[in-house]
Structures are given as structure tokens and as C-alpha cells.
């Protein structure tokens, strides 16, 4: 008997695998439409790791976090996609630097 917990684990396992996310899964993960994902790829805001067209695009699992950030910034602040992407880039850089800080001691 399959439970909701089993479904959640299966979904998490799919998300943990690099280039496992198709555009529909990415769109659903950030509560946006497939058209939103396609427009952000065309604008260079999101980058698939493989695929030549929307039907064959695959995204790394890290793209889900980036897409969620961008979607949130666009909704919360009515931000332009390029501005939201710039803010997401800066947030990612700050997080990277914070991870390095303990090593610098």
C-alpha cells in the first residue's frame, strides 16, 4: 500500500537527481506555468542543462530553487524577470560566501 509519505519520497528522489526536472515539473515546483518557464529560458534567466527545445529541456535540481526565488521576487515586488534574476544571483553569491566564511576562520 503506497502512502503520501512514499509519494513524497519518490518526488524528493526525482528532485535530487541532476537534470531530472523537465519544464513541467519545474513549473509545478515553483507554482508557475510552462509558458513562464519557457519565457525565462528564452530570456536567459533559467538555463536547462540539456535539450534543444522545450520538449526536451532538462534542468538540474538547483534550478528549482532559483526558479522559486525568481518567481517569488517577480510576484512580491512586481520585478522584471531580469531584475529578479539579478537579485537571485546576488542571493546565491551571498549564500556561497557565507559557506566559505567558516573555512576562512
Foldseek 3Di string as FASTA:
>chain_A
DDDPVNVVVVVVVQLQDFQSDQLCNLCVLLVHDSVVSVVCVVVVLADFPDDDDSVGGTGTSVSSVSVNQLVCCCVPVVDDSVVSSVVSVVVVVVVVVVVCVVVVD
